[in-house]
Amino acid sequence: MITIFLALALAESFTGVVTDTMCGAKHTMMKDQPDDKCVKMCVKGSSDYALYDGQNYFKLSDQSKPAKFAAQKVKVTGALDPKTKTIKVSAIELAPGN
């Protein structure tokens, strides 16, 4: 019970675009394809889903939830590990106004 409470207390919200760890903000690997397709193809390879907030990239711990939000602006709820720059994902939803 205490562990659940601590996890919820440490949860933060992060807003940014779902991308991949290879391309980041610029999807130049697949020039003729839309960004969402590039993200999904890179993740099929050796990349991981990440969140780009306009300045920083954060790897996302959950690699299945972000798939439907590729290249879209989202709000991620979770805890950030600053050493690994990884967000332990609790939830992902479209950002307001998206």
C-alpha atoms as a PDB file:
ATOM      1  CA  MET A   1       0.000   0.000   0.000  1.00  0.00           C
ATOM      2  CA  ILE A   2       2.810   2.434   0.862  1.00  0.00           C
ATOM      3  CA  THR A   3       4.641   1.564  -2.356  1.00  0.00           C
ATOM      4  CA  ILE A   4       1.580   2.413  -4.451  1.00  0.00           C
ATOM      5  CA  PHE A   5       1.157   5.712  -2.612  1.00  0.00           C
ATOM      6  CA  LEU A   6       4.821   6.631  -3.144  1.00  0.00           C
ATOM      7  CA  ALA A   7       4.637   5.769  -6.838  1.00  0.00           C
ATOM      8  CA  LEU A   8       1.591   7.991  -7.279  1.00  0.00           C
ATOM      9  CA  ALA A   9       3.199  10.786  -5.280  1.00  0.00           C
ATOM     10  CA  LEU A  10       6.314  10.698  -7.492  1.00  0.00           C
ATOM     11  CA  ALA A  11       4.337  10.674 -10.744  1.00  0.00           C
ATOM     12  CA  GLU A  12       4.810  13.738 -12.932  1.00  0.00           C
ATOM     13  CA  SER A  13       3.295  14.866 -16.209  1.00  0.00           C
ATOM     14  CA  PHE A  14       5.431  15.364 -19.310  1.00  0.00           C
ATOM     15  CA  THR A  15       4.151  16.845 -22.564  1.00  0.00           C
ATOM     16  CA  GLY A  16       5.857  16.306 -25.888  1.00  0.00           C
ATOM     17  CA  VAL A  17       5.875  14.362 -29.137  1.00  0.00           C
ATOM     18  CA  VAL A  18       6.258  10.593 -29.281  1.00  0.00           C
ATOM     19  CA  THR A  19       9.351   9.899 -31.344  1.00  0.00           C
ATOM     20  CA  ASP A  20      12.126   7.321 -31.432  1.00  0.00           C
ATOM     21  CA  THR A  21      15.636   7.300 -30.002  1.00  0.00           C
ATOM     22  CA  MET A  22      17.272   7.235 -33.449  1.00  0.00           C
ATOM     23  CA  CYS A  23      15.556  10.131 -35.221  1.00  0.00           C
ATOM     24  CA  GLY A  24      14.561  12.319 -32.304  1.00  0.00           C
ATOM     25  CA  ALA A  25      12.940  15.541 -33.569  1.00  0.00           C
ATOM     26  CA  LYS A  26      13.909  15.133 -37.230  1.00  0.00           C
ATOM     27  CA  HIS A  27      12.702  12.146 -39.181  1.00  0.00           C
ATOM     28  CA  THR A  28      15.120  12.225 -42.085  1.00  0.00           C
ATOM     29  CA  MET A  29      15.751   8.481 -42.341  1.00  0.00           C
ATOM     30  CA  MET A  30      12.575   7.965 -44.369  1.00  0.00           C
ATOM     31  CA  LYS A  31      12.231  11.210 -46.323  1.00  0.00           C
ATOM     32  CA  ASP A  32       9.257  10.069 -48.416  1.00  0.00           C
ATOM     33  CA  GLN A  33       7.221   8.827 -45.451  1.00  0.00           C
ATOM     34  CA  PRO A  34       5.181  10.670 -42.803  1.00  0.00           C
ATOM     35  CA  ASP A  35       6.788  11.060 -39.364  1.00  0.00           C
ATOM     36  CA  ASP A  36       4.526   8.487 -37.679  1.00  0.00           C
ATOM     37  CA  LYS A  37       5.572   5.814 -40.176  1.00  0.00           C
ATOM     38  CA  CYS A  38       9.255   6.682 -39.673  1.00  0.00           C
ATOM     39  CA  VAL A  39       8.909   6.390 -35.892  1.00  0.00           C
ATOM     40  CA  LYS A  40       7.223   2.990 -36.155  1.00  0.00           C
ATOM     41  CA  MET A  41       9.800   1.671 -38.634  1.00  0.00           C
ATOM     42  CA  CYS A  42      12.717   2.847 -36.476  1.00  0.00           C
ATOM     43  CA  VAL A  43      11.195   1.161 -33.427  1.00  0.00           C
ATOM     44  CA  LYS A  44      10.768  -2.063 -35.414  1.00  0.00           C
ATOM     45  CA  GLY A  45      14.525  -1.850 -35.908  1.00  0.00           C
ATOM     46  CA  SER A  46      16.765  -1.104 -32.959  1.00  0.00           C
ATOM     47  CA  SER A  47      15.269   2.160 -31.635  1.00  0.00           C
ATOM     48  CA  ASP A  48      12.964   2.734 -28.679  1.00  0.00           C
ATOM     49  CA  TYR A  49       9.978   5.009 -28.270  1.00  0.00           C
ATOM     50  CA  ALA A  50      10.873   8.321 -26.654  1.00  0.00           C
ATOM     51  CA  LEU A  51       9.265  11.624 -25.744  1.00  0.00           C
ATOM     52  CA  TYR A  52      10.661  14.876 -27.128  1.00  0.00           C
ATOM     53  CA  ASP A  53       9.546  17.973 -25.209  1.00  0.00           C
ATOM     54  CA  GLY A  54      11.164  20.507 -27.529  1.00  0.00           C
ATOM     55  CA  GLN A  55      14.502  20.465 -25.686  1.00  0.00           C
ATOM     56  CA  ASN A  56      15.046  17.001 -24.187  1.00  0.00           C
ATOM     57  CA  TYR A  57      14.533  13.391 -25.169  1.00  0.00           C
ATOM     58  CA  PHE A  58      13.279  10.879 -22.625  1.00  0.00           C
ATOM     59  CA  LYS A  59      13.152   7.155 -23.336  1.00  0.00           C
ATOM     60  CA  LEU A  60       9.775   5.642 -22.458  1.00  0.00           C
ATOM     61  CA  SER A  61       9.777   2.506 -20.303  1.00  0.00           C
ATOM     62  CA  ASP A  62       6.606   1.145 -21.912  1.00  0.00           C
ATOM     63  CA  GLN A  63       7.276   0.254 -25.525  1.00  0.00           C
ATOM     64  CA  SER A  64       3.724  -0.789 -26.463  1.00  0.00           C
ATOM     65  CA  LYS A  65       1.471   2.084 -25.278  1.00  0.00           C
ATOM     66  CA  PRO A  66       3.302   4.770 -27.309  1.00  0.00           C
ATOM     67  CA  ALA A  67       2.802   2.927 -30.630  1.00  0.00           C
ATOM     68  CA  LYS A  68      -0.640   4.370 -31.293  1.00  0.00           C
ATOM     69  CA  PHE A  69       0.643   7.892 -30.535  1.00  0.00           C
ATOM     70  CA  ALA A  70       3.675   7.895 -32.875  1.00  0.00           C
ATOM     71  CA  ALA A  71       4.555  11.478 -33.962  1.00  0.00           C
ATOM     72  CA  GLN A  72       1.654  12.936 -31.959  1.00  0.00           C
ATOM     73  CA  LYS A  73       1.731  15.410 -29.074  1.00  0.00           C
ATOM     74  CA  VAL A  74       0.897  13.590 -25.854  1.00  0.00           C
ATOM     75  CA  LYS A  75       0.828  13.907 -22.094  1.00  0.00           C
ATOM     76  CA  VAL A  76       2.777  11.143 -20.360  1.00  0.00           C
ATOM     77  CA  THR A  77       2.240  10.491 -16.664  1.00  0.00           C
ATOM     78  CA  GLY A  78       5.078   8.716 -14.898  1.00  0.00           C
ATOM     79  CA  ALA A  79       8.264   8.973 -12.889  1.00  0.00           C
ATOM     80  CA  LEU A  80      11.494  10.240 -14.439  1.00  0.00           C
ATOM     81  CA  ASP A  81      14.790   8.519 -13.710  1.00  0.00           C
ATOM     82  CA  PRO A  82      17.222  11.411 -14.272  1.00  0.00           C
ATOM     83  CA  LYS A  83      20.254   9.109 -14.505  1.00  0.00           C
ATOM     84  CA  THR A  84      18.914   7.118 -17.447  1.00  0.00           C
ATOM     85  CA  LYS A  85      16.588   9.870 -18.775  1.00  0.00           C
ATOM     86  CA  THR A  86      13.800   7.286 -18.823  1.00  0.00           C
ATOM     87  CA  ILE A  87      10.186   7.913 -17.892  1.00  0.00           C
ATOM     88  CA  LYS A  88       8.522   4.968 -16.138  1.00  0.00           C
ATOM     89  CA  VAL A  89       5.179   5.282 -17.905  1.00  0.00           C
ATOM     90  CA  SER A  90       1.932   5.085 -15.951  1.00  0.00           C
ATOM     91  CA  ALA A  91      -0.322   6.537 -18.654  1.00  0.00           C
ATOM     92  CA  ILE A  92      -0.221   8.188 -22.069  1.00  0.00           C
ATOM     93  CA  GLU A  93      -2.969  10.309 -23.598  1.00  0.00           C
ATOM     94  CA  LEU A  94      -3.269  12.852 -26.372  1.00  0.00           C
ATOM     95  CA  ALA A  95      -2.284  16.318 -25.233  1.00  0.00           C
ATOM     96  CA  PRO A  96      -5.061  18.917 -25.105  1.00  0.00           C
ATOM     97  CA  GLY A  97      -5.464  20.717 -28.395  1.00  0.00           C
ATOM     98  CA  ASN A  98      -3.949  17.884 -30.414  1.00  0.00           C
END
